[in-house]
Amino acid sequence: MTPVDSASTVLFLALLLVTFGYGVTCWFWPFKPCRTCRGGGKLRSPFGRAIRLCRRCTGTGLRLRPGRRVINAARRIHRAHHHRH
């Protein structure tokens, strides 16, 4: 086994581990804090003291992770093709 082969194997295993870890994270914790409002759900206007709801998360302070969107889409496709009666 050459050093290039062992480096590729290590890189592949590291990538596999990171992907698996992200999948587990998306499964157990499907939501993350909204980046726009930093999880508060509200934003202040630039001039004045007015407060409005965040448009990106609709005031919940949470956003669905992209990986969870993929999981949900895969489940929808699976259900649509395997539960026909």
Protein backbone atom coordinates (compact mmCIF):
# COMPACT_ATOMS: atom_id res chain seq x y z
CA MET A 1 0.00 0.00 0.00
CA THR A 2 1.50 3.31 -1.06
CA PRO A 3 1.29 6.51 1.01
CA VAL A 4 -1.16 7.95 -1.52
CA ASP A 5 -3.47 4.96 -1.08
CA SER A 6 -3.39 5.18 2.70
CA ALA A 7 -3.98 8.97 2.59
CA SER A 8 -6.98 8.47 0.30
CA THR A 9 -8.35 5.78 2.61
CA VAL A 10 -7.99 8.03 5.64
CA LEU A 11 -9.61 10.92 3.78
CA PHE A 12 -12.48 8.71 2.63
CA LEU A 13 -13.07 7.37 6.16
CA ALA A 14 -12.96 10.90 7.61
CA LEU A 15 -15.48 12.09 5.01
CA LEU A 16 -17.70 9.10 5.74
CA LEU A 17 -17.55 9.79 9.48
CA VAL A 18 -18.41 13.49 9.03
CA THR A 19 -21.31 12.64 6.70
CA PHE A 20 -22.66 10.04 9.12
CA GLY A 21 -22.33 12.49 12.03
CA TYR A 22 -24.21 15.19 10.12
CA GLY A 23 -26.95 12.69 9.25
CA VAL A 24 -27.35 11.73 12.91
CA THR A 25 -27.45 15.42 13.85
CA CYS A 26 -30.16 16.09 11.25
CA TRP A 27 -32.17 13.12 12.47
CA PHE A 28 -32.14 13.99 16.18
CA TRP A 29 -31.92 17.81 15.99
CA PRO A 30 -33.71 18.79 12.76
CA PHE A 31 -33.81 22.51 13.58
CA LYS A 32 -31.03 25.03 14.05
CA PRO A 33 -31.18 28.68 15.14
CA CYS A 34 -32.01 31.14 12.40
CA ARG A 35 -28.92 33.03 11.22
CA THR A 36 -30.83 36.21 10.43
CA CYS A 37 -32.31 36.81 13.88
CA ARG A 38 -29.80 34.63 15.77
CA GLY A 39 -32.59 32.43 17.12
CA GLY A 40 -34.61 35.26 18.67
CA GLY A 41 -37.37 35.40 16.07
CA LYS A 42 -37.44 39.21 16.16
CA LEU A 43 -35.47 41.95 14.46
CA ARG A 44 -35.09 45.62 15.32
CA SER A 45 -35.56 48.25 12.66
CA PRO A 46 -32.39 50.12 11.67
CA PHE A 47 -33.92 53.48 12.66
CA GLY A 48 -35.92 53.55 15.85
CA ARG A 49 -37.16 51.10 18.35
CA ALA A 50 -39.62 49.13 16.23
CA ILE A 51 -39.47 45.36 16.42
CA ARG A 52 -40.72 43.03 13.72
CA LEU A 53 -40.83 39.28 13.23
CA CYS A 54 -38.02 37.71 11.27
CA ARG A 55 -39.11 36.96 7.70
CA ARG A 56 -36.73 34.06 7.25
CA CYS A 57 -38.00 31.96 10.18
CA THR A 58 -41.44 33.61 10.51
CA GLY A 59 -40.71 34.53 14.11
CA THR A 60 -39.94 31.06 15.44
CA GLY A 61 -36.19 31.55 15.64
CA LEU A 62 -35.64 28.10 14.09
CA ARG A 63 -34.76 26.88 10.59
CA LEU A 64 -34.86 23.33 9.22
CA ARG A 65 -31.37 21.99 8.49
CA PRO A 66 -30.61 21.30 4.79
CA GLY A 67 -29.79 17.67 5.59
CA ARG A 68 -33.18 17.23 7.24
CA ARG A 69 -34.84 18.65 4.11
CA VAL A 70 -33.10 15.88 2.13
CA ILE A 71 -34.25 13.24 4.65
CA ASN A 72 -37.85 14.52 4.49
CA ALA A 73 -37.82 14.54 0.67
CA ALA A 74 -36.44 10.98 0.57
CA ARG A 75 -39.14 9.82 2.99
CA ARG A 76 -41.86 11.51 0.89
CA ILE A 77 -40.59 9.83 -2.29
CA HIS A 78 -40.34 6.47 -0.54
CA ARG A 79 -43.90 6.76 0.82
CA ALA A 80 -45.28 7.84 -2.56
CA HIS A 81 -43.79 4.83 -4.36
CA HIS A 82 -44.30 2.13 -1.74
CA HIS A 83 -47.72 2.92 -0.29
CA ARG A 84 -49.86 2.82 -3.40
CA HIS A 85 -53.10 0.93 -2.99
